[in-house]
Protein backbone atom coordinates (compact mmCIF):
# COMPACT_ATOMS: atom_id res chain seq x y z
CA MET A 1 32.67 30.80 24.51
CA TRP A 2 33.60 27.15 24.01
CA LYS A 3 30.78 26.02 26.34
CA GLN A 4 28.31 28.19 24.41
CA LYS A 5 29.35 26.56 21.12
CA GLN A 6 29.12 23.11 22.71
CA CYS A 7 25.57 23.87 23.91
CA THR A 8 24.62 25.08 20.44
CA VAL A 9 25.99 21.93 18.81
CA THR A 10 24.20 19.75 21.37
CA LEU A 11 20.92 21.59 20.75
CA LEU A 12 21.27 21.20 16.98
CA LEU A 13 21.99 17.49 17.34
CA ALA A 14 18.92 17.06 19.56
CA LEU A 15 16.73 18.88 17.04
CA ALA A 16 18.14 16.76 14.22
CA ILE A 17 17.35 13.56 16.12
CA LEU A 18 13.79 14.72 16.79
CA TRP A 19 13.35 15.65 13.12
CA LEU A 20 14.62 12.28 11.95
CA ALA A 21 12.38 10.50 14.44
CA GLY A 22 9.40 12.43 13.09
CA CYS A 23 10.29 11.55 9.51
CA GLY A 24 10.54 7.88 10.37
CA LYS A 25 7.12 7.73 12.04
CA SER A 26 4.76 5.56 10.01
CA TYR A 27 1.28 6.70 9.07
CA GLU A 28 -1.54 5.34 11.23
CA PHE A 29 -4.77 4.68 9.35
CA HIS A 30 -8.06 5.85 10.83
CA GLY A 31 -10.10 3.02 9.30
CA THR A 32 -9.98 -0.64 10.31
CA VAL A 33 -6.99 -2.12 8.48
CA ASN A 34 -6.96 -5.45 6.67
CA ASP A 35 -3.58 -6.93 7.49
CA PRO A 36 -2.65 -8.33 5.09
CA PRO A 37 -4.83 -6.57 2.48
CA LYS A 38 -7.55 -8.71 0.91
CA PRO A 39 -6.80 -9.70 -2.71
CA PRO A 40 -8.87 -8.27 -5.57
CA THR A 41 -12.48 -9.43 -5.79
CA ALA A 42 -14.32 -9.78 -9.10
CA VAL A 43 -17.09 -7.16 -9.10
CA ALA A 44 -18.95 -6.81 -12.40
CA GLY A 45 -22.33 -5.27 -13.16
CA THR A 46 -24.14 -2.49 -15.00
CA ASN A 47 -23.70 1.17 -14.14
CA TRP A 48 -26.63 3.60 -13.91
CA ASP A 49 -25.77 4.92 -17.39
CA GLY A 50 -26.21 1.45 -18.90
CA HIS A 51 -22.50 0.82 -19.40
CA PRO A 52 -20.78 -2.28 -17.99
CA PHE A 53 -18.70 -1.84 -14.86
CA GLN A 54 -15.79 -3.98 -13.66
CA LEU A 55 -13.89 -3.20 -10.50
CA ARG A 56 -10.64 -4.52 -11.98
CA GLU A 57 -10.76 -1.71 -14.55
CA GLN A 58 -10.42 0.80 -11.70
CA GLN A 59 -6.96 -0.45 -10.73
CA GLY A 60 -4.61 2.51 -10.59
CA LYS A 61 -7.21 4.43 -8.58
CA VAL A 62 -8.34 4.27 -4.98
CA VAL A 63 -11.93 2.98 -4.78
CA VAL A 64 -14.44 4.03 -2.13
CA ALA A 65 -17.31 1.53 -2.18
CA PHE A 66 -20.61 1.20 -0.31
CA PHE A 67 -23.35 -1.45 -0.45
CA GLY A 68 -26.92 -0.20 -0.13
CA TYR A 69 -30.22 0.28 -1.92
CA THR A 70 -32.24 3.20 -3.25
CA ASN A 71 -35.31 2.64 -1.06
CA CYS A 72 -33.19 2.79 2.09
CA PRO A 73 -34.72 5.45 4.36
CA ASP A 74 -31.66 6.56 6.32
CA VAL A 75 -28.20 4.95 6.21
CA CYS A 76 -27.78 4.89 2.42
CA PRO A 77 -28.67 8.52 1.62
CA LEU A 78 -26.57 9.67 4.58
CA THR A 79 -23.59 7.62 3.39
CA LEU A 80 -23.85 8.86 -0.19
CA ALA A 81 -24.07 12.45 1.07
CA ASN A 82 -20.93 11.83 3.16
CA MET A 83 -19.18 10.29 0.17
CA ASN A 84 -20.02 13.37 -1.85
CA GLU A 85 -18.58 15.58 0.89
CA ALA A 86 -15.41 13.49 0.88
CA TYR A 87 -15.26 13.89 -2.91
CA GLN A 88 -15.50 17.67 -2.53
CA LYS A 89 -12.82 17.79 0.18
CA LEU A 90 -10.42 15.80 -2.00
CA GLY A 91 -10.51 18.53 -4.64
CA ASP A 92 -8.28 17.73 -7.62
CA LYS A 93 -7.17 14.52 -5.89
CA ALA A 94 -10.68 13.12 -6.49
CA LYS A 95 -9.54 12.42 -10.07
CA GLY A 96 -7.59 9.50 -8.64
CA VAL A 97 -10.56 8.11 -6.71
CA THR A 98 -13.59 6.08 -7.85
CA PHE A 99 -16.76 6.17 -5.75
CA VAL A 100 -19.04 3.15 -6.17
CA PHE A 101 -22.54 2.45 -4.82
CA ILE A 102 -23.37 -1.26 -5.19
CA SER A 103 -27.05 -2.14 -4.90
CA THR A 104 -28.08 -4.85 -2.45
CA ASP A 105 -31.57 -4.82 -4.02
CA PRO A 106 -30.95 -5.61 -7.71
CA ALA A 107 -34.57 -6.61 -8.38
CA ARG A 108 -35.80 -3.05 -7.81
CA ASP A 109 -32.59 -1.09 -8.35
CA THR A 110 -32.45 -1.35 -12.12
CA PRO A 111 -29.95 0.88 -13.94
CA LYS A 112 -32.89 3.20 -14.71
CA ARG A 113 -33.76 3.47 -11.02
CA LEU A 114 -30.10 3.97 -10.10
CA ALA A 115 -29.88 6.72 -12.74
CA ALA A 116 -32.59 8.65 -10.91
CA TYR A 117 -30.87 8.20 -7.56
CA VAL A 118 -27.06 8.11 -7.60
CA PRO A 119 -26.33 11.18 -9.81
CA ALA A 120 -28.52 13.24 -7.47
CA PHE A 121 -25.66 12.91 -4.98
CA ASN A 122 -22.82 13.12 -7.47
CA HIS A 123 -22.86 12.61 -11.23
CA GLU A 124 -19.33 11.15 -11.10
CA PHE A 125 -20.35 8.28 -8.81
CA TYR A 126 -21.01 4.79 -10.12
CA GLY A 127 -24.28 3.09 -9.21
CA ILE A 128 -24.00 -0.62 -9.93
CA ASN A 129 -26.65 -3.26 -10.50
CA ILE A 130 -25.32 -6.81 -10.10
CA PRO A 131 -27.76 -9.70 -10.73
CA GLU A 132 -28.66 -11.52 -7.52
CA ALA A 133 -26.79 -14.74 -8.35
CA ALA A 134 -23.58 -12.83 -9.10
CA LEU A 135 -24.08 -10.53 -6.11
CA VAL A 136 -23.96 -13.39 -3.58
CA PRO A 137 -20.19 -14.10 -3.89
CA VAL A 138 -19.43 -10.36 -3.95
CA LYS A 139 -21.27 -9.85 -0.66
CA LYS A 140 -19.48 -12.86 0.81
CA ALA A 141 -16.08 -11.55 -0.25
CA PHE A 142 -16.67 -8.23 1.53
CA GLY A 143 -18.50 -9.71 4.51
CA VAL A 144 -21.71 -7.87 3.59
CA TYR A 145 -25.01 -8.95 5.12
CA ALA A 146 -28.04 -7.91 3.05
CA GLU A 147 -31.40 -9.67 3.14
CA LYS A 148 -35.02 -8.72 2.56
CA HIS A 149 -36.60 -7.68 5.85
CA THR A 150 -38.75 -10.50 7.21
CA GLY A 151 -39.92 -8.98 10.50
CA ASP A 152 -43.14 -7.12 11.24
CA PRO A 153 -44.70 -5.81 9.13
CA GLN A 154 -44.22 -8.57 6.57
CA PRO A 155 -43.05 -7.33 3.15
CA LYS A 156 -45.69 -7.24 0.42
CA GLY A 157 -44.84 -7.23 -3.26
CA ASP A 158 -42.32 -4.51 -4.07
CA THR A 159 -42.85 -2.74 -0.75
CA TYR A 160 -40.11 -3.96 1.56
CA PHE A 161 -36.91 -2.92 3.29
CA VAL A 162 -33.52 -4.60 3.00
CA ASP A 163 -31.64 -5.21 6.22
CA HIS A 164 -27.96 -4.66 5.48
CA THR A 165 -24.62 -3.80 7.00
CA GLY A 166 -23.45 -0.23 6.60
CA TYR A 167 -19.74 0.02 5.92
CA VAL A 168 -17.53 1.98 3.55
CA TYR A 169 -14.80 -0.08 1.89
CA ILE A 170 -11.51 1.43 0.72
CA ILE A 171 -9.70 -0.43 -2.06
CA ASP A 172 -6.17 0.55 -3.06
CA GLN A 173 -4.64 1.11 -6.48
CA GLN A 174 -3.77 -2.58 -6.78
CA GLY A 175 -7.40 -3.58 -6.30
CA GLN A 176 -6.82 -4.82 -2.74
CA TRP A 177 -9.35 -4.17 0.01
CA ARG A 178 -7.31 -2.21 2.56
CA LEU A 179 -9.67 -0.41 4.96
CA THR A 180 -13.19 -0.44 6.35
CA PHE A 181 -15.11 2.46 7.90
CA PRO A 182 -18.53 2.60 9.57
CA TYR A 183 -21.00 4.56 7.44
CA ASN A 184 -21.00 7.47 9.91
CA ALA A 185 -17.21 7.75 10.29
CA PRO A 186 -15.76 11.28 10.35
CA ILE A 187 -15.35 12.42 6.76
CA GLU A 188 -11.94 13.91 7.57
CA ASP A 189 -10.69 10.44 8.59
CA ILE A 190 -11.79 8.88 5.30
CA VAL A 191 -10.25 11.72 3.30
CA ALA A 192 -6.95 11.46 5.21
CA ASP A 193 -6.65 7.71 4.59
CA VAL A 194 -7.57 8.05 0.92
CA GLU A 195 -5.01 10.81 0.48
CA HIS A 196 -2.35 8.65 2.11
CA LEU A 197 -3.09 5.77 -0.27
CA LEU A 198 -2.99 8.16 -3.21
CA ALA A 199 0.42 9.43 -2.08
CA GLY A 200 1.75 5.91 -1.57
């Protein structure tokens, strides 16, 4: 009888240790982590609805940002569709998240053009036009490459592509750039990391 009780106590202690070990395990992000997080970057422009947009005004929310342009034939529409799916999967938690599409082609992507494009994916998303001169330091801060295509065929007038990097940037509630995902990352991974930041 005594041995049976001793075995029971030992088993309970082992289970307690395993439980405590599980509780102490830190969360591992799926995206590429900035360690330490990058400090807030000034991002200011005009939203597709004509209203001014400033990234600093989104502090208190998690921001999911992507740089692209409306004439992009593949990566940009796919990324915006994925962002919309992430928005849907977040459910009520999406109220604490801001999704932002920042144009890398401000000459063509006027607020009017963005208004015909971005809300088609999700009316809650921001679509930001930043004048070229102000866009340069923003791209530099996020390590974004975006230049008018100069290969064959040569661009003519307003008919051209923009070669650009395709990453999704996750910014925490303090305005710090915390994570980076490739544009085709599993949506579940993005949602999980966003939810963790929201809970933190």
